[in-house]
Amino acid sequence: MSAQPVHQRVVEQPRVPHTIGGISDALVGGRRAQFFAELLRAQQGAELDAVLTAWWGRAMLDSDPDRDRVHAAAEAGVLPTTTMEEIIRRRQGRATS
């Protein structure tokens, strides 16, 4: 007899795999060359991990389907903003519900 979870949790895969190839494929224009330049200079370990983490974030932004809309809103000064206090309040509200 084995126990099975009542609810199957679907783990959503990130839009950009957290790999060198995934990051490279998602970067736009000359950013790919910048990524490889930093990658090739990085020492194995914490330095390499930091490069991958930073560039993964940039790759996620480059591959965002709403990227052009968000960029245009930011340029026009109409991008909705919030405060850190509001973010904390929302998160705390979700944690208690």
C-alpha atoms as a PDB file:
ATOM      1  CA  MET A   1       0.000   0.000   0.000  1.00  0.00           C
ATOM      2  CA  SER A   2       1.283   3.454  -0.806  1.00  0.00           C
ATOM      3  CA  ALA A   3       0.061   6.898   0.082  1.00  0.00           C
ATOM      4  CA  GLN A   4      -0.899   9.175  -2.762  1.00  0.00           C
ATOM      5  CA  PRO A   5      -1.429  12.924  -2.391  1.00  0.00           C
ATOM      6  CA  VAL A   6      -5.051  14.018  -2.525  1.00  0.00           C
ATOM      7  CA  HIS A   7      -4.236  17.023  -4.696  1.00  0.00           C
ATOM      8  CA  GLN A   8      -1.670  16.789  -7.441  1.00  0.00           C
ATOM      9  CA  ARG A   9       0.518  19.889  -7.394  1.00  0.00           C
ATOM     10  CA  VAL A  10       1.468  21.033 -10.857  1.00  0.00           C
ATOM     11  CA  VAL A  11       4.958  22.503 -10.822  1.00  0.00           C
ATOM     12  CA  GLU A  12       5.089  25.248 -13.398  1.00  0.00           C
ATOM     13  CA  GLN A  13       8.322  25.331 -15.372  1.00  0.00           C
ATOM     14  CA  PRO A  14       9.935  28.740 -15.754  1.00  0.00           C
ATOM     15  CA  ARG A  15       9.646  30.393 -19.143  1.00  0.00           C
ATOM     16  CA  VAL A  16      13.449  30.391 -19.343  1.00  0.00           C
ATOM     17  CA  PRO A  17      15.345  27.297 -18.163  1.00  0.00           C
ATOM     18  CA  HIS A  18      17.969  28.220 -15.572  1.00  0.00           C
ATOM     19  CA  THR A  19      20.753  26.882 -17.798  1.00  0.00           C
ATOM     20  CA  ILE A  20      23.428  28.509 -19.932  1.00  0.00           C
ATOM     21  CA  GLY A  21      21.607  27.466 -23.100  1.00  0.00           C
ATOM     22  CA  GLY A  22      18.194  28.539 -21.825  1.00  0.00           C
ATOM     23  CA  ILE A  23      19.478  31.953 -20.787  1.00  0.00           C
ATOM     24  CA  SER A  24      21.377  32.429 -24.050  1.00  0.00           C
ATOM     25  CA  ASP A  25      18.356  31.491 -26.171  1.00  0.00           C
ATOM     26  CA  ALA A  26      16.119  34.003 -24.377  1.00  0.00           C
ATOM     27  CA  LEU A  27      18.421  37.023 -24.524  1.00  0.00           C
ATOM     28  CA  VAL A  28      17.750  39.698 -27.126  1.00  0.00           C
ATOM     29  CA  GLY A  29      20.327  41.300 -29.419  1.00  0.00           C
ATOM     30  CA  GLY A  30      23.786  42.087 -28.111  1.00  0.00           C
ATOM     31  CA  ARG A  31      22.857  41.004 -24.608  1.00  0.00           C
ATOM     32  CA  ARG A  32      23.746  37.415 -25.547  1.00  0.00           C
ATOM     33  CA  ALA A  33      27.352  38.457 -26.289  1.00  0.00           C
ATOM     34  CA  GLN A  34      27.514  40.359 -22.985  1.00  0.00           C
ATOM     35  CA  PHE A  35      26.232  37.273 -21.184  1.00  0.00           C
ATOM     36  CA  PHE A  36      28.893  35.035 -22.703  1.00  0.00           C
ATOM     37  CA  ALA A  37      31.642  37.580 -21.997  1.00  0.00           C
ATOM     38  CA  GLU A  38      30.709  37.657 -18.297  1.00  0.00           C
ATOM     39  CA  LEU A  39      30.211  33.909 -18.225  1.00  0.00           C
ATOM     40  CA  LEU A  40      33.682  33.236 -19.646  1.00  0.00           C
ATOM     41  CA  ARG A  41      35.332  35.556 -17.085  1.00  0.00           C
ATOM     42  CA  ALA A  42      33.544  34.050 -14.072  1.00  0.00           C
ATOM     43  CA  GLN A  43      35.270  31.667 -11.671  1.00  0.00           C
ATOM     44  CA  GLN A  44      33.493  28.385 -10.957  1.00  0.00           C
ATOM     45  CA  GLY A  45      31.452  28.589  -7.768  1.00  0.00           C
ATOM     46  CA  ALA A  46      29.763  31.637  -6.267  1.00  0.00           C
ATOM     47  CA  GLU A  47      30.950  34.016  -9.003  1.00  0.00           C
ATOM     48  CA  LEU A  48      29.602  31.823 -11.810  1.00  0.00           C
ATOM     49  CA  ASP A  49      26.353  31.278  -9.887  1.00  0.00           C
ATOM     50  CA  ALA A  50      25.943  35.051  -9.514  1.00  0.00           C
ATOM     51  CA  VAL A  51      26.436  35.606 -13.260  1.00  0.00           C
ATOM     52  CA  LEU A  52      23.873  32.923 -14.106  1.00  0.00           C
ATOM     53  CA  THR A  53      21.359  34.286 -11.606  1.00  0.00           C
ATOM     54  CA  ALA A  54      21.694  37.887 -12.806  1.00  0.00           C
ATOM     55  CA  TRP A  55      21.459  36.968 -16.474  1.00  0.00           C
ATOM     56  CA  TRP A  56      18.574  34.551 -15.886  1.00  0.00           C
ATOM     57  CA  GLY A  57      16.608  37.501 -14.524  1.00  0.00           C
ATOM     58  CA  ARG A  58      17.448  39.569 -17.600  1.00  0.00           C
ATOM     59  CA  ALA A  59      16.489  36.653 -19.855  1.00  0.00           C
ATOM     60  CA  MET A  60      13.144  36.361 -18.072  1.00  0.00           C
ATOM     61  CA  LEU A  61      12.526  40.055 -18.756  1.00  0.00           C
ATOM     62  CA  ASP A  62      13.636  39.746 -22.402  1.00  0.00           C
ATOM     63  CA  SER A  63      11.256  36.825 -22.959  1.00  0.00           C
ATOM     64  CA  ASP A  64       8.254  38.371 -21.176  1.00  0.00           C
ATOM     65  CA  PRO A  65       5.291  38.352 -23.591  1.00  0.00           C
ATOM     66  CA  ASP A  66       4.209  41.748 -22.180  1.00  0.00           C
ATOM     67  CA  ARG A  67       7.698  43.227 -22.474  1.00  0.00           C
ATOM     68  CA  ASP A  68       6.886  45.766 -25.181  1.00  0.00           C
ATOM     69  CA  ARG A  69       3.678  46.919 -23.466  1.00  0.00           C
ATOM     70  CA  VAL A  70       5.418  47.295 -20.096  1.00  0.00           C
ATOM     71  CA  HIS A  71       8.361  49.128 -21.674  1.00  0.00           C
ATOM     72  CA  ALA A  72       6.033  51.541 -23.486  1.00  0.00           C
ATOM     73  CA  ALA A  73       4.078  52.200 -20.270  1.00  0.00           C
ATOM     74  CA  ALA A  74       7.322  52.852 -18.368  1.00  0.00           C
ATOM     75  CA  GLU A  75       8.555  55.228 -21.069  1.00  0.00           C
ATOM     76  CA  ALA A  76       5.196  57.063 -21.017  1.00  0.00           C
ATOM     77  CA  GLY A  77       5.259  57.310 -17.225  1.00  0.00           C
ATOM     78  CA  VAL A  78       2.009  55.385 -16.812  1.00  0.00           C
ATOM     79  CA  LEU A  79       3.364  52.100 -15.464  1.00  0.00           C
ATOM     80  CA  PRO A  80       1.426  51.218 -12.310  1.00  0.00           C
ATOM     81  CA  THR A  81       3.598  51.235  -9.208  1.00  0.00           C
ATOM     82  CA  THR A  82       3.189  50.177  -5.600  1.00  0.00           C
ATOM     83  CA  THR A  83       5.023  50.600  -2.339  1.00  0.00           C
ATOM     84  CA  MET A  84       6.949  47.953  -0.458  1.00  0.00           C
ATOM     85  CA  GLU A  85       4.497  48.393   2.418  1.00  0.00           C
ATOM     86  CA  GLU A  86       1.605  47.494   0.098  1.00  0.00           C
ATOM     87  CA  ILE A  87       3.423  44.392  -1.151  1.00  0.00           C
ATOM     88  CA  ILE A  88       4.082  43.264   2.440  1.00  0.00           C
ATOM     89  CA  ARG A  89       0.441  43.898   3.389  1.00  0.00           C
ATOM     90  CA  ARG A  90      -0.801  41.800   0.434  1.00  0.00           C
ATOM     91  CA  ARG A  91       1.598  38.956   1.192  1.00  0.00           C
ATOM     92  CA  GLN A  92       0.618  38.912   4.839  1.00  0.00           C
ATOM     93  CA  GLY A  93      -3.039  38.883   3.821  1.00  0.00           C
ATOM     94  CA  ARG A  94      -2.464  35.835   1.632  1.00  0.00           C
ATOM     95  CA  ALA A  95      -0.537  34.044   4.383  1.00  0.00           C
ATOM     96  CA  THR A  96      -3.438  34.367   6.826  1.00  0.00           C
ATOM     97  CA  SER A  97      -6.161  33.286   4.416  1.00  0.00           C
END
